[in-house]
Amino acid sequence: MPGKGGPKTVTANGVELCVETFGDDACPAILLIGGNGGAMDYWEDDFCRLLAEGARFVLRYDLRDTGQSVTYEAGAPPYTGGDLVADVVGLLDAFGLARASIVGVSMGGAMAQVVAIEHPARVAALVLMSTSSGPGGAGSDSPDLPPVSAKLQAHFAREVAEPDWSRRDAVIDHLVAEERAYAGSLPRDEDARRALAGRVFDRTIDMASSAKNHALLRGDGEPLRPRLGLIRAPTLVLHGTEDPLFPYAHGVALAAEIPGAELVPLAGVGHEYPPRAVWRIVVPAIVRHTARATAESGG
């Protein structure tokens, strides 16, 4: 099992991934999966420590092409979404974990759903944040679910030159502006967000790859929504009421279609990692949910 300390590189699913742990490895494990282009830093240090204080062994990691994990040419990722899912199982293997509670945000939430469906014995509990079983709107697989908000669609449609990925200040400006486009109405600490973006830049091997490659990934499995009924892990859905990418109805649908799932609305939250303002709701909810799941399973 990899040792404790700061971030370290482990081999999982045949690739090198950078991982950091918090808490006692004798406690029930929680594995945090980030979203598109999300290095581990977006699961903030204090958030991880608060979960660990709830008697949890917390793992966060850089997905491929983020942070200090394996990186490929920008615009040409040689892997699929299924490979990222296999990385999750590989990380559990690398740490000698028969099972863990899986917490995923956005794209990481979709990955977490697949892990729960295809590797049910490895998932003690499931927590889905700011995610969906697929895009909504006319022409999609889920036309009954609302599409991306008009404001975010306008953001996507604007013509803005990409930053020079080698310039720290330019990348920080870009990352913070992108975050702002997805945020809800809760107050934002711009200085703190810039500091976090700077940390991401400083740790990332290739910012261009980090920014571009996940959006190019191919799906290599069946659609998620028809398979939600197969999920047996106790599931908690945390969804912002102001999510512009996956409007709140996506969270409602997940909770309705995953057997026994619980939905906790996060007022004022957009499509984002849980802001500090709602940690007082999110952290206890995750600790309670994973404790209940562990007790029910006898693990």
Protein backbone atom coordinates (compact mmCIF):
# COMPACT_ATOMS: atom_id res chain seq x y z
CA MET A 1 0.00 0.00 0.00
CA PRO A 2 1.37 3.47 -0.82
CA GLY A 3 2.67 5.33 2.20
CA LYS A 4 1.26 8.46 3.82
CA GLY A 5 2.50 12.01 3.48
CA GLY A 6 2.01 14.48 0.65
CA PRO A 7 0.98 13.74 -2.94
CA LYS A 8 2.63 10.65 -4.39
CA THR A 9 2.58 8.77 -7.67
CA VAL A 10 1.10 5.27 -7.78
CA THR A 11 0.58 2.81 -10.59
CA ALA A 12 -3.12 2.15 -11.17
CA ASN A 13 -4.62 0.41 -14.19
CA GLY A 14 -1.14 0.45 -15.74
CA VAL A 15 -0.69 4.25 -15.63
CA GLU A 16 0.91 6.68 -13.19
CA LEU A 17 -1.57 8.70 -11.14
CA CYS A 18 -0.84 11.29 -8.45
CA VAL A 19 -2.77 10.69 -5.22
CA GLU A 20 -2.97 12.32 -1.80
CA THR A 21 -4.60 10.89 1.31
CA PHE A 22 -6.04 12.37 4.50
CA GLY A 23 -6.85 10.61 7.75
CA ASP A 24 -6.32 7.15 9.16
CA ASP A 25 -6.21 4.35 6.60
CA ALA A 26 -7.93 2.09 9.15
CA CYS A 27 -11.11 4.18 8.71
CA PRO A 28 -13.70 3.61 5.99
CA ALA A 29 -12.37 4.98 2.70
CA ILE A 30 -13.80 7.76 0.55
CA LEU A 31 -12.42 8.24 -2.97
CA LEU A 32 -13.05 11.68 -4.51
CA ILE A 33 -13.32 11.89 -8.32
CA GLY A 34 -13.00 15.30 -9.96
CA GLY A 35 -14.67 16.68 -13.04
CA ASN A 36 -13.53 17.56 -16.56
CA GLY A 37 -9.96 18.86 -16.35
CA GLY A 38 -10.15 18.91 -12.57
CA ALA A 39 -6.88 18.36 -10.73
CA MET A 40 -7.12 17.07 -7.16
CA ASP A 41 -6.64 20.61 -5.81
CA TYR A 42 -10.28 21.45 -6.53
CA TRP A 43 -11.14 19.08 -3.68
CA GLU A 44 -9.78 21.68 -1.29
CA ASP A 45 -7.42 20.72 1.54
CA ASP A 46 -9.80 21.88 4.27
CA PHE A 47 -12.71 20.00 2.70
CA CYS A 48 -10.68 16.79 2.71
CA ARG A 49 -9.54 17.36 6.29
CA LEU A 50 -13.12 17.89 7.47
CA LEU A 51 -14.16 14.59 5.91
CA ALA A 52 -11.16 12.89 7.52
CA GLU A 53 -12.18 14.33 10.90
CA GLY A 54 -15.42 12.37 10.47
CA ALA A 55 -13.36 9.17 10.84
CA ARG A 56 -12.83 8.67 7.12
CA PHE A 57 -9.76 7.79 5.07
CA VAL A 58 -9.97 10.27 2.19
CA LEU A 59 -8.24 9.89 -1.16
CA ARG A 60 -8.11 12.55 -3.87
CA TYR A 61 -6.21 12.20 -7.12
CA ASP A 62 -5.28 13.89 -10.37
CA LEU A 63 -7.17 12.31 -13.25
CA ARG A 64 -5.14 11.57 -16.35
CA ASP A 65 -4.02 14.80 -18.05
CA THR A 66 -4.40 16.83 -14.84
CA GLY A 67 -1.95 17.83 -12.14
CA GLN A 68 0.99 15.46 -11.80
CA SER A 69 -0.66 12.38 -13.30
CA VAL A 70 0.22 10.86 -16.67
CA THR A 71 -0.16 13.42 -19.44
CA TYR A 72 -0.62 13.06 -23.19
CA GLU A 73 -0.44 15.37 -26.19
CA ALA A 74 -2.99 18.16 -26.09
CA GLY A 75 -5.85 17.40 -28.44
CA ALA A 76 -5.02 13.70 -28.84
CA PRO A 77 -5.86 11.69 -25.71
CA PRO A 78 -5.18 7.98 -26.42
CA TYR A 79 -7.70 6.79 -23.83
CA THR A 80 -11.46 6.69 -23.37
CA GLY A 81 -13.93 7.44 -20.63
CA GLY A 82 -13.90 3.73 -19.87
CA ASP A 83 -10.18 3.92 -19.15
CA LEU A 84 -10.83 6.66 -16.58
CA VAL A 85 -13.41 4.41 -14.92
CA ALA A 86 -10.88 1.56 -14.85
CA ASP A 87 -8.40 3.96 -13.22
CA VAL A 88 -10.81 4.32 -10.28
CA VAL A 89 -10.88 0.56 -9.71
CA GLY A 90 -7.11 0.47 -10.19
CA LEU A 91 -6.65 3.06 -7.45
CA LEU A 92 -8.70 0.95 -5.04
CA ASP A 93 -6.44 -1.98 -5.91
CA ALA A 94 -3.28 0.12 -5.46
CA PHE A 95 -4.34 1.02 -1.92
CA GLY A 96 -5.52 -2.48 -1.04
CA LEU A 97 -9.13 -1.33 -0.70
CA ALA A 98 -11.74 -4.00 -1.32
CA ARG A 99 -14.37 -1.26 -1.42
CA ALA A 100 -14.81 2.44 -0.78
CA SER A 101 -17.43 5.14 -0.82
CA ILE A 102 -17.16 6.89 -4.19
CA VAL A 103 -17.82 10.63 -4.41
CA GLY A 104 -17.91 12.14 -7.90
CA VAL A 105 -18.58 15.64 -9.20
CA SER A 106 -19.73 16.45 -12.75
CA MET A 107 -17.84 14.11 -15.13
CA GLY A 108 -16.52 12.37 -12.02
CA GLY A 109 -20.12 11.77 -11.00
CA ALA A 110 -20.81 10.04 -14.32
CA MET A 111 -17.69 7.93 -13.78
CA ALA A 112 -18.90 7.08 -10.27
CA GLN A 113 -22.24 5.89 -11.66
CA VAL A 114 -20.45 3.54 -14.07
CA VAL A 115 -18.24 2.16 -11.29
CA ALA A 116 -21.34 1.48 -9.17
CA ILE A 117 -23.08 -0.28 -12.08
CA GLU A 118 -20.14 -2.30 -13.40
CA HIS A 119 -18.19 -2.93 -10.18
CA PRO A 120 -20.89 -3.03 -7.48
CA ALA A 121 -18.81 -5.01 -4.98
CA ARG A 122 -16.24 -2.19 -4.87
CA VAL A 123 -18.71 0.57 -3.94
CA ALA A 124 -19.79 0.89 -0.31
CA ALA A 125 -21.75 4.07 -0.97
CA LEU A 126 -22.21 6.54 -3.80
CA VAL A 127 -22.32 10.35 -3.62
CA LEU A 128 -23.17 12.22 -6.82
CA MET A 129 -22.58 15.98 -7.04
CA SER A 130 -23.47 18.39 -9.85
CA THR A 131 -23.89 15.52 -12.29
CA SER A 132 -26.36 13.76 -14.53
CA SER A 133 -27.02 10.50 -16.34
CA GLY A 134 -26.70 12.38 -19.63
CA PRO A 135 -27.36 15.72 -21.34
CA GLY A 136 -30.94 16.91 -21.56
CA GLY A 137 -33.03 18.82 -24.07
CA ALA A 138 -34.47 18.16 -27.51
CA GLY A 139 -32.49 15.68 -29.59
CA SER A 140 -30.70 14.15 -26.60
CA ASP A 141 -31.22 10.74 -24.99
CA SER A 142 -33.14 12.54 -22.23
CA PRO A 143 -35.41 15.11 -23.92
CA ASP A 144 -37.50 15.32 -20.74
CA LEU A 145 -34.57 16.89 -18.87
CA PRO A 146 -33.79 20.61 -19.26
CA PRO A 147 -30.88 21.61 -21.50
CA VAL A 148 -27.94 23.83 -20.64
CA SER A 149 -29.10 27.27 -19.50
CA ALA A 150 -29.34 30.02 -22.12
CA LYS A 151 -26.69 32.04 -20.28
CA LEU A 152 -24.19 29.19 -20.34
CA GLN A 153 -24.99 28.43 -23.97
CA ALA A 154 -24.14 32.04 -24.77
CA HIS A 155 -20.87 31.61 -22.88
CA PHE A 156 -20.05 28.54 -24.99
CA ALA A 157 -20.87 30.42 -28.20
CA ARG A 158 -18.64 33.43 -27.59
CA GLU A 159 -15.44 33.74 -29.56
CA VAL A 160 -12.54 34.13 -27.17
CA ALA A 161 -8.93 33.26 -27.94
CA GLU A 162 -7.51 30.56 -25.70
CA PRO A 163 -4.81 31.74 -23.31
CA ASP A 164 -1.11 31.15 -23.66
CA TRP A 165 -1.02 28.02 -21.52
CA SER A 166 2.56 28.73 -20.47
CA ARG A 167 1.71 32.11 -18.89
CA ARG A 168 0.67 31.78 -15.27
CA ASP A 169 -1.37 34.98 -14.98
CA ALA A 170 -3.19 34.35 -18.25
CA VAL A 171 -4.12 30.82 -17.22
CA ILE A 172 -5.30 31.97 -13.80
CA ASP A 173 -7.50 34.62 -15.43
CA HIS A 174 -8.93 31.98 -17.76
CA LEU A 175 -9.61 29.37 -15.06
CA VAL A 176 -11.30 31.88 -12.75
CA ALA A 177 -13.44 33.28 -15.57
CA GLU A 178 -14.55 29.76 -16.54
CA GLU A 179 -15.44 28.95 -12.94
CA ARG A 180 -17.47 32.14 -12.72
CA ALA A 181 -19.53 31.14 -15.76
CA TYR A 182 -20.65 27.93 -14.03
CA ALA A 183 -21.15 29.34 -10.53
CA GLY A 184 -24.42 30.00 -8.76
CA SER A 185 -25.40 33.10 -6.80
CA LEU A 186 -23.45 32.43 -3.60
CA PRO A 187 -20.74 35.02 -2.86
CA ARG A 188 -17.33 34.13 -4.30
CA ASP A 189 -13.94 34.85 -2.78
CA GLU A 190 -12.12 35.87 -5.94
CA ASP A 191 -8.74 36.06 -4.23
CA ALA A 192 -9.13 32.51 -2.93
CA ARG A 193 -10.20 31.27 -6.35
CA ARG A 194 -7.18 32.90 -7.96
CA ALA A 195 -4.90 31.35 -5.36
CA LEU A 196 -6.39 27.93 -6.08
CA ALA A 197 -6.03 28.43 -9.84
CA GLY A 198 -2.40 29.38 -9.28
CA ARG A 199 -1.84 26.20 -7.33
CA VAL A 200 -3.38 24.18 -10.15
CA PHE A 201 -1.12 25.88 -12.69
CA ASP A 202 1.97 25.30 -10.57
CA ARG A 203 1.23 21.58 -10.18
CA THR A 204 0.06 20.79 -13.69
CA ILE A 205 2.48 19.19 -16.13
CA ASP A 206 0.66 20.43 -19.26
CA MET A 207 -2.14 22.98 -18.89
CA ALA A 208 -3.20 22.68 -22.53
CA SER A 209 -3.73 18.93 -22.17
CA SER A 210 -5.56 19.47 -18.89
CA ALA A 211 -7.88 22.04 -20.46
CA LYS A 212 -8.64 20.16 -23.68
CA ASN A 213 -8.32 16.41 -23.51
CA HIS A 214 -11.22 15.32 -21.31
CA ALA A 215 -13.71 17.14 -23.54
CA LEU A 216 -12.52 14.98 -26.46
CA LEU A 217 -13.08 11.62 -24.79
CA ARG A 218 -15.22 9.02 -26.49
CA GLY A 219 -17.87 7.10 -24.64
CA ASP A 220 -17.35 3.35 -24.81
CA GLY A 221 -20.29 1.96 -22.89
CA GLU A 222 -24.07 1.85 -22.83
CA PRO A 223 -26.06 5.00 -21.99
CA LEU A 224 -26.24 5.59 -18.26
CA ARG A 225 -29.86 6.51 -17.66
CA PRO A 226 -31.43 3.15 -18.64
CA ARG A 227 -29.01 1.44 -16.23
CA LEU A 228 -29.61 3.59 -13.14
CA GLY A 229 -31.95 0.97 -11.73
CA LEU A 230 -28.99 -1.42 -11.52
CA ILE A 231 -27.25 0.70 -8.89
CA ARG A 232 -27.40 -1.03 -5.52
CA ALA A 233 -25.02 1.17 -3.54
CA PRO A 234 -26.75 3.55 -1.12
CA THR A 235 -26.78 6.81 -3.04
CA LEU A 236 -26.77 10.46 -2.01
CA VAL A 237 -27.39 13.11 -4.67
CA LEU A 238 -26.16 16.64 -3.92
CA HIS A 239 -27.27 19.12 -6.57
CA GLY A 240 -27.17 22.88 -6.87
CA THR A 241 -30.49 24.62 -7.42
CA GLU A 242 -28.78 27.01 -9.86
CA ASP A 243 -26.71 24.52 -11.88
CA PRO A 244 -26.53 25.97 -15.43
CA LEU A 245 -25.01 22.88 -17.09
CA PHE A 246 -27.23 20.22 -15.52
CA PRO A 247 -30.22 22.14 -14.17
CA TYR A 248 -31.66 20.95 -10.88
CA ALA A 249 -34.13 18.57 -12.58
CA HIS A 250 -31.14 16.38 -13.51
CA GLY A 251 -30.44 15.81 -9.82
CA VAL A 252 -34.12 15.12 -9.17
CA ALA A 253 -34.11 12.51 -11.94
CA LEU A 254 -31.00 10.78 -10.59
CA ALA A 255 -32.53 10.53 -7.13
CA ALA A 256 -35.84 9.27 -8.53
CA GLU A 257 -34.31 6.64 -10.80
CA ILE A 258 -31.56 5.24 -8.55
CA PRO A 259 -33.24 2.86 -6.07
CA GLY A 260 -33.50 4.36 -2.60
CA ALA A 261 -31.43 7.46 -3.42
CA GLU A 262 -31.61 10.57 -1.24
CA LEU A 263 -31.57 14.08 -2.74
CA VAL A 264 -30.15 17.11 -0.91
CA PRO A 265 -30.65 20.42 -2.74
CA LEU A 266 -27.86 22.98 -2.40
CA ALA A 267 -29.47 26.42 -2.56
CA GLY A 268 -27.62 28.99 -4.64
CA VAL A 269 -25.02 26.50 -5.88
CA GLY A 270 -24.21 26.25 -9.58
CA HIS A 271 -22.23 23.63 -11.47
CA GLU A 272 -19.25 23.54 -9.17
CA TYR A 273 -17.39 21.72 -6.46
CA PRO A 274 -19.20 22.45 -3.20
CA PRO A 275 -18.46 26.07 -2.24
CA ARG A 276 -17.30 26.69 1.32
CA ALA A 277 -20.65 28.26 2.12
CA VAL A 278 -22.34 24.85 1.90
CA TRP A 279 -19.64 22.68 3.47
CA ARG A 280 -21.66 22.79 6.71
CA ILE A 281 -24.36 20.90 4.79
CA VAL A 282 -22.26 18.79 2.46
CA VAL A 283 -19.62 17.40 4.83
CA PRO A 284 -22.04 16.13 7.52
CA ALA A 285 -24.31 14.71 4.81
CA ILE A 286 -21.45 12.71 3.30
CA VAL A 287 -20.20 11.51 6.70
CA ARG A 288 -23.73 10.44 7.74
CA HIS A 289 -24.43 8.76 4.43
CA THR A 290 -21.19 6.80 4.34
CA ALA A 291 -21.56 5.81 8.00
CA ARG A 292 -25.05 4.48 7.38
CA ALA A 293 -23.93 2.62 4.28
CA THR A 294 -20.98 1.05 6.11
CA ALA A 295 -23.21 -0.03 9.00
CA GLU A 296 -25.84 -1.51 6.69
CA SER A 297 -23.24 -3.50 4.76
CA GLY A 298 -21.51 -4.71 7.92
CA GLY A 299 -18.20 -3.32 6.63
